[in-house]
């Protein structure tokens, strides 16, 4: 039934003089429309799926295969080819996840009766603890900003908002003045899948924002950009790349040796909250995670903190320290 409908659609397109897509390209187009309309994925997520699915479609083309004819052995060969091209395990896993999503759609929409990816295994990922900054390092980052420059106060407000609210960089670039309720100390954040959440904002972040708003009033803002919180010098809202470059440059200026990005400040927020005693479920809500498993990555503590906690609080260490102190005080 589905193929007959597709043939009718293609015949209509030919009659109208429109460019006719290959069957494979048309399936991808329909899948991308499904991600947009049914799953309500953001443009960035859609582009990521399209990019990753491109690896698979090239593989099919080179091996003269149709997506609807693929068997498990073909998928395993594709997975092996990713390794041969020196694609890392994490990227392999992401690409295979995209392929699984594609076939899940084809099964749901009636193109296939059986999903060939059901038994496809993903590469084993090494355990990775996210890099984070201590509160002192965040202060160091902010203190290194030259407030005499046009962007100085804006950049300081950006870093403090990322750290105080734990935002994704895409959430920050899309933050609007109409999303702010600074009198009540919270902001409205539109996250993945256009899901909204309310996030408390600290007095420190409010202070930095208010100083930035004084500079912002003097700017000539482009039509349609008036409601964005953070703007570049030409009056347009900032992009993710602009903020990435700014954070990396500022880290270098601050003498921070860690490799960081805007997302590091989100990790830093979650880690600071956890160390401060916040419940993991609260952190999950604040970060906008759909699954608590995603939040559990933040239950790490750095080795130095662990060592210090054990040395200071384990009864054996306390007893030993007291005994040594007594010996030093003996004349």
Protein backbone atom coordinates (compact mmCIF):
# COMPACT_ATOMS: atom_id res chain seq x y z
CA UNK A 1 0.00 0.00 0.00
CA UNK A 2 2.80 2.39 0.95
CA UNK A 3 4.71 1.77 -2.33
CA UNK A 4 1.61 2.46 -4.43
CA UNK A 5 1.11 5.77 -2.66
CA UNK A 6 4.76 6.65 -3.22
CA UNK A 7 4.48 5.84 -6.95
CA UNK A 8 1.42 8.08 -7.28
CA UNK A 9 3.26 10.89 -5.53
CA UNK A 10 6.23 10.53 -7.86
CA UNK A 11 4.01 10.47 -10.96
CA UNK A 12 2.32 13.70 -9.83
CA UNK A 13 5.70 15.31 -9.31
CA UNK A 14 6.82 14.27 -12.78
CA UNK A 15 3.66 15.69 -14.35
CA UNK A 16 4.27 19.02 -12.58
CA UNK A 17 7.87 19.14 -13.75
CA UNK A 18 9.23 18.86 -10.19
CA UNK A 19 12.51 17.17 -9.38
CA UNK A 20 11.82 13.52 -8.49
CA UNK A 21 13.82 12.12 -5.58
CA UNK A 22 15.27 8.64 -5.66
CA UNK A 23 13.36 6.14 -3.49
CA UNK A 24 16.17 6.21 -0.91
CA UNK A 25 16.28 10.02 -0.76
CA UNK A 26 12.50 10.14 -0.47
CA UNK A 27 12.58 7.80 2.53
CA UNK A 28 15.14 10.03 4.21
CA UNK A 29 13.04 13.10 3.42
CA UNK A 30 9.98 11.47 5.01
CA UNK A 31 12.02 10.45 8.05
CA UNK A 32 13.29 14.00 8.51
CA UNK A 33 9.72 15.30 8.26
CA UNK A 34 8.72 12.77 10.92
CA UNK A 35 11.47 14.07 13.23
CA UNK A 36 10.30 17.63 12.68
CA UNK A 37 6.52 17.23 12.87
CA UNK A 38 5.93 14.12 14.98
CA UNK A 39 8.93 14.20 17.31
CA UNK A 40 9.18 18.00 17.40
CA UNK A 41 12.98 17.88 17.25
CA UNK A 42 14.97 21.10 17.01
CA UNK A 43 16.67 22.17 13.78
CA UNK A 44 20.07 21.31 15.29
CA UNK A 45 18.93 17.79 16.19
CA UNK A 46 17.43 17.29 12.73
CA UNK A 47 20.70 18.37 11.11
CA UNK A 48 22.65 15.97 13.33
CA UNK A 49 20.42 13.06 12.28
CA UNK A 50 20.72 14.02 8.62
CA UNK A 51 24.51 14.23 8.86
CA UNK A 52 24.86 10.86 10.61
CA UNK A 53 22.37 9.12 8.32
CA UNK A 54 24.48 10.34 5.39
CA UNK A 55 27.20 7.83 6.34
CA UNK A 56 24.70 4.99 6.06
CA UNK A 57 23.16 6.16 2.79
CA UNK A 58 26.63 6.41 1.19
CA UNK A 59 27.36 2.86 2.37
CA UNK A 60 24.11 1.61 0.79
CA UNK A 61 24.89 3.39 -2.46
CA UNK A 62 28.40 1.91 -2.65
CA UNK A 63 27.02 -1.59 -2.04
CA UNK A 64 23.99 -1.19 -4.34
CA UNK A 65 21.53 -1.79 -1.52
CA UNK A 66 18.10 -0.35 -0.86
CA UNK A 67 17.24 0.64 2.74
CA UNK A 68 14.25 -1.71 2.52
CA UNK A 69 16.45 -4.71 1.58
CA UNK A 70 18.99 -4.37 4.39
CA UNK A 71 19.75 -7.39 6.58
CA UNK A 72 21.54 -7.60 9.94
CA UNK A 73 24.75 -8.73 8.17
CA UNK A 74 24.72 -5.53 6.07
CA UNK A 75 24.31 -3.41 9.19
CA UNK A 76 27.18 -5.21 10.90
CA UNK A 77 29.34 -4.59 7.83
CA UNK A 78 28.39 -0.90 7.95
CA UNK A 79 29.30 -0.73 11.64
CA UNK A 80 32.67 -2.34 10.89
CA UNK A 81 33.29 0.19 8.09
CA UNK A 82 32.91 3.06 10.58
CA UNK A 83 35.73 1.57 12.65
CA UNK A 84 37.91 1.21 9.54
CA UNK A 85 37.46 4.93 8.82
CA UNK A 86 38.86 5.68 12.30
CA UNK A 87 35.55 7.03 13.59
CA UNK A 88 35.64 6.96 17.40
CA UNK A 89 33.45 4.66 19.47
CA UNK A 90 31.25 7.50 20.74
CA UNK A 91 30.62 8.80 17.21
CA UNK A 92 29.98 5.25 15.97
CA UNK A 93 27.39 4.78 18.70
CA UNK A 94 25.68 8.05 17.77
CA UNK A 95 25.59 7.17 14.05
CA UNK A 96 24.16 3.70 14.75
CA UNK A 97 21.54 5.27 17.03
CA UNK A 98 20.47 7.43 14.08
CA UNK A 99 20.23 4.35 11.83
CA UNK A 100 18.13 2.56 14.46
CA UNK A 101 15.79 5.56 14.65
CA UNK A 102 15.48 5.53 10.86
CA UNK A 103 14.46 1.87 10.82
CA UNK A 104 12.14 2.33 13.77
CA UNK A 105 10.34 4.96 11.67
CA UNK A 106 10.23 2.68 8.60
CA UNK A 107 8.68 -0.06 10.73
CA UNK A 108 6.16 2.24 12.39
CA UNK A 109 5.11 3.74 9.05
CA UNK A 110 4.55 0.35 7.40
CA UNK A 111 7.52 0.20 5.05
CA UNK A 112 8.92 -2.82 6.90
CA UNK A 113 7.38 -5.56 9.02
CA UNK A 114 10.57 -6.38 10.91
CA UNK A 115 13.19 -3.93 12.16
CA UNK A 116 16.62 -5.24 10.99
CA UNK A 117 18.46 -3.18 13.64
CA UNK A 118 16.89 -4.98 16.63
CA UNK A 119 19.92 -7.27 17.13
CA UNK A 120 22.55 -4.73 16.03
CA UNK A 121 25.09 -4.17 18.79
CA UNK A 122 26.66 -0.81 19.59
CA UNK A 123 30.37 -0.37 20.37
CA UNK A 124 31.34 -0.45 24.03
CA UNK A 125 31.90 3.13 25.16
CA UNK A 126 34.68 4.02 27.58
CA UNK A 127 33.46 5.57 30.82
CA UNK A 128 33.90 9.32 30.57
CA UNK A 129 33.60 11.77 33.42
CA UNK A 130 32.75 15.27 32.20
CA UNK A 131 35.22 18.09 32.74
CA UNK A 132 33.94 20.74 35.12
CA UNK A 133 35.17 23.93 36.74
CA UNK A 134 35.20 24.66 40.44
CA UNK A 135 33.45 27.81 41.64
CA UNK A 136 36.89 29.36 42.09
CA UNK A 137 37.77 28.58 38.48
CA UNK A 138 34.50 30.12 37.27
CA UNK A 139 35.40 33.26 39.26
CA UNK A 140 38.84 33.16 37.67
CA UNK A 141 37.22 32.94 34.23
CA UNK A 142 34.95 35.91 34.90
CA UNK A 143 37.69 38.00 36.53
CA UNK A 144 39.86 37.66 33.42
CA UNK A 145 37.28 39.50 31.28
CA UNK A 146 38.23 43.02 30.24
CA UNK A 147 35.16 45.08 31.15
CA UNK A 148 36.49 48.04 29.17
CA UNK A 149 35.68 46.26 25.89
CA UNK A 150 32.24 46.51 24.28
CA UNK A 151 31.56 42.81 24.82
CA UNK A 152 33.12 42.56 28.29
CA UNK A 153 30.02 42.85 30.46
CA UNK A 154 27.96 40.79 28.01
CA UNK A 155 30.50 37.94 28.17
CA UNK A 156 30.57 38.10 31.96
CA UNK A 157 26.77 37.87 32.06
CA UNK A 158 26.84 34.92 29.63
CA UNK A 159 29.32 32.92 31.71
CA UNK A 160 27.49 33.63 34.97
CA UNK A 161 24.09 32.73 33.48
CA UNK A 162 25.44 29.45 32.06
CA UNK A 163 26.96 28.57 35.43
CA UNK A 164 24.13 29.80 37.67
CA UNK A 165 21.31 28.24 35.64
CA UNK A 166 22.96 25.20 34.02
CA UNK A 167 21.70 26.09 30.54
CA UNK A 168 22.59 24.40 27.28
CA UNK A 169 24.28 26.86 24.94
CA UNK A 170 21.34 26.64 22.50
CA UNK A 171 18.99 27.55 25.36
CA UNK A 172 21.12 30.57 26.15
CA UNK A 173 21.28 31.83 22.55
CA UNK A 174 17.47 31.58 22.32
CA UNK A 175 16.83 33.21 25.70
CA UNK A 176 14.39 36.13 25.37
CA UNK A 177 13.75 39.17 27.54
CA UNK A 178 10.16 37.96 27.76
CA UNK A 179 11.47 34.73 29.34
CA UNK A 180 12.96 36.59 32.31
CA UNK A 181 11.18 37.12 35.60
CA UNK A 182 14.04 38.59 37.58
CA UNK A 183 11.82 40.01 40.32
CA UNK A 184 10.74 36.47 41.16
CA UNK A 185 14.25 35.06 40.55
CA UNK A 186 13.44 32.61 37.77
CA UNK A 187 13.67 32.33 33.98
CA UNK A 188 11.64 30.33 31.48
CA UNK A 189 13.83 28.04 29.38
CA UNK A 190 12.82 26.32 26.14
CA UNK A 191 14.82 23.11 25.93
CA UNK A 192 15.00 20.08 23.65
CA UNK A 193 11.77 19.25 21.88
CA UNK A 194 10.48 22.73 22.75
CA UNK A 195 9.86 21.56 26.32
CA UNK A 196 9.62 24.47 28.74
CA UNK A 197 10.93 24.57 32.30
CA UNK A 198 11.33 27.22 34.98
CA UNK A 199 14.85 27.62 36.34
CA UNK A 200 15.82 29.71 39.38
CA UNK A 201 18.43 32.39 38.74
CA UNK A 202 20.92 33.63 41.32
CA UNK A 203 21.34 37.20 42.57
CA UNK A 204 24.83 37.20 41.09
CA UNK A 205 23.54 36.31 37.62
CA UNK A 206 20.76 38.92 37.88
CA UNK A 207 23.34 41.55 38.82
CA UNK A 208 25.53 40.70 35.81
CA UNK A 209 22.51 40.73 33.50
CA UNK A 210 21.36 44.13 34.73
CA UNK A 211 24.81 45.58 34.08
CA UNK A 212 24.70 44.08 30.57
CA UNK A 213 21.26 45.59 29.97
CA UNK A 214 22.74 49.05 30.57
CA UNK A 215 25.19 48.44 27.69
CA UNK A 216 22.47 46.79 25.60
CA UNK A 217 20.30 49.94 25.75
CA UNK A 218 22.96 51.83 23.79
CA UNK A 219 22.98 49.35 20.90
CA UNK A 220 21.26 49.61 17.54
CA UNK A 221 19.26 46.38 17.44
CA UNK A 222 18.18 44.78 14.16
CA UNK A 223 14.42 44.43 13.54
CA UNK A 224 13.16 41.10 14.83
CA UNK A 225 16.05 40.75 17.29
CA UNK A 226 14.69 43.06 19.99
CA UNK A 227 13.58 40.29 22.38
CA UNK A 228 16.86 38.32 22.44
CA UNK A 229 18.85 38.74 25.66
CA UNK A 230 22.34 38.38 24.19
CA UNK A 231 23.34 40.25 21.02
CA UNK A 232 26.52 40.77 19.02
CA UNK A 233 27.88 44.20 18.17
CA UNK A 234 25.78 44.30 14.98
CA UNK A 235 22.53 43.85 16.91
CA UNK A 236 21.91 40.19 15.99
CA UNK A 237 21.42 37.42 18.53
CA UNK A 238 24.47 35.29 19.21
CA UNK A 239 25.13 31.85 17.74
CA UNK A 240 26.44 28.76 19.52
CA UNK A 241 29.75 29.05 17.67
CA UNK A 242 30.26 32.65 18.81
CA UNK A 243 29.81 31.62 22.45
CA UNK A 244 32.08 28.58 22.04
CA UNK A 245 34.88 30.76 20.66
CA UNK A 246 34.40 33.34 23.42
CA UNK A 247 34.53 30.76 26.24
CA UNK A 248 37.64 29.07 24.85
CA UNK A 249 39.45 32.38 24.40
CA UNK A 250 38.47 33.48 27.90
CA UNK A 251 39.72 30.22 29.41
CA UNK A 252 43.08 30.78 27.74
CA UNK A 253 43.19 34.37 29.03
CA UNK A 254 42.35 33.12 32.53
CA UNK A 255 45.15 30.56 32.45
CA UNK A 256 42.76 27.62 32.83
CA UNK A 257 44.50 24.52 31.48
CA UNK A 258 41.39 22.36 31.17
CA UNK A 259 39.82 21.97 27.74
CA UNK A 260 36.44 23.60 28.21
CA UNK A 261 33.38 24.68 26.25
CA UNK A 262 30.08 26.36 27.17
CA UNK A 263 28.76 22.90 28.11
CA UNK A 264 31.50 22.66 30.75
CA UNK A 265 29.67 25.38 32.67
CA UNK A 266 26.52 23.24 32.60
CA UNK A 267 28.57 20.33 34.01
CA UNK A 268 29.98 22.73 36.61
CA UNK A 269 26.48 23.83 37.66
CA UNK A 270 25.33 20.23 38.14
CA UNK A 271 28.49 19.22 40.00
CA UNK A 272 28.31 22.23 42.31
CA UNK A 273 24.63 21.52 43.05
CA UNK A 274 25.38 17.88 43.84
CA UNK A 275 28.33 18.74 46.07
CA UNK A 276 26.12 21.29 47.82
CA UNK A 277 23.68 18.53 48.76
CA UNK A 278 20.96 18.93 46.10
CA UNK A 279 18.82 15.89 45.34
CA UNK A 280 19.55 14.21 42.00
CA UNK A 281 15.89 14.50 40.96
CA UNK A 282 16.00 18.27 41.52
CA UNK A 283 19.11 18.52 39.34
CA UNK A 284 17.34 16.43 36.68
CA UNK A 285 14.43 18.90 36.57
CA UNK A 286 16.71 21.95 36.50
CA UNK A 287 18.78 20.52 33.63
CA UNK A 288 15.71 19.46 31.66
CA UNK A 289 16.76 15.80 31.43
CA UNK A 290 13.96 13.45 30.41
CA UNK A 291 15.76 10.48 31.98
CA UNK A 292 17.37 10.35 35.43
CA UNK A 293 20.07 8.13 33.91
CA UNK A 294 21.40 11.12 31.97
CA UNK A 295 21.73 13.08 35.20
CA UNK A 296 23.58 10.31 37.02
CA UNK A 297 26.78 11.15 35.15
CA UNK A 298 27.08 14.13 37.49
CA UNK A 299 27.35 11.92 40.57
CA UNK A 300 31.12 11.90 40.09
CA UNK A 301 33.44 13.73 42.46
CA UNK A 302 36.97 14.60 41.45
CA UNK A 303 39.73 12.44 42.96
CA UNK A 304 41.12 15.27 45.05
CA UNK A 305 37.75 15.98 46.67
CA UNK A 306 37.27 12.30 47.44
CA UNK A 307 40.74 12.03 48.95
CA UNK A 308 40.18 15.14 51.04
CA UNK A 309 36.78 13.92 52.29
CA UNK A 310 38.24 10.58 53.38
CA UNK A 311 41.26 12.17 55.04
CA UNK A 312 39.14 14.70 56.95
CA UNK A 313 36.16 12.57 57.97
CA UNK A 314 37.13 8.91 58.28
CA UNK A 315 37.45 8.10 62.02
CA UNK A 316 40.80 6.34 61.57
CA UNK A 317 42.28 9.39 59.88
CA UNK A 318 40.81 11.75 62.51
CA UNK A 319 42.29 9.63 65.31
CA UNK A 320 45.70 9.48 63.59
CA UNK A 321 45.71 13.26 62.99
CA UNK A 322 44.83 13.95 66.63
CA UNK A 323 47.55 11.61 67.86
CA UNK A 324 50.15 13.30 65.64
CA UNK A 325 49.01 16.72 66.80
CA UNK A 326 49.44 15.59 70.41
CA UNK A 327 52.94 14.35 69.71
CA UNK A 328 53.93 17.66 68.11
CA UNK A 329 52.63 19.56 71.16
CA UNK A 330 54.63 17.40 73.62
CA UNK A 331 57.78 19.30 74.74
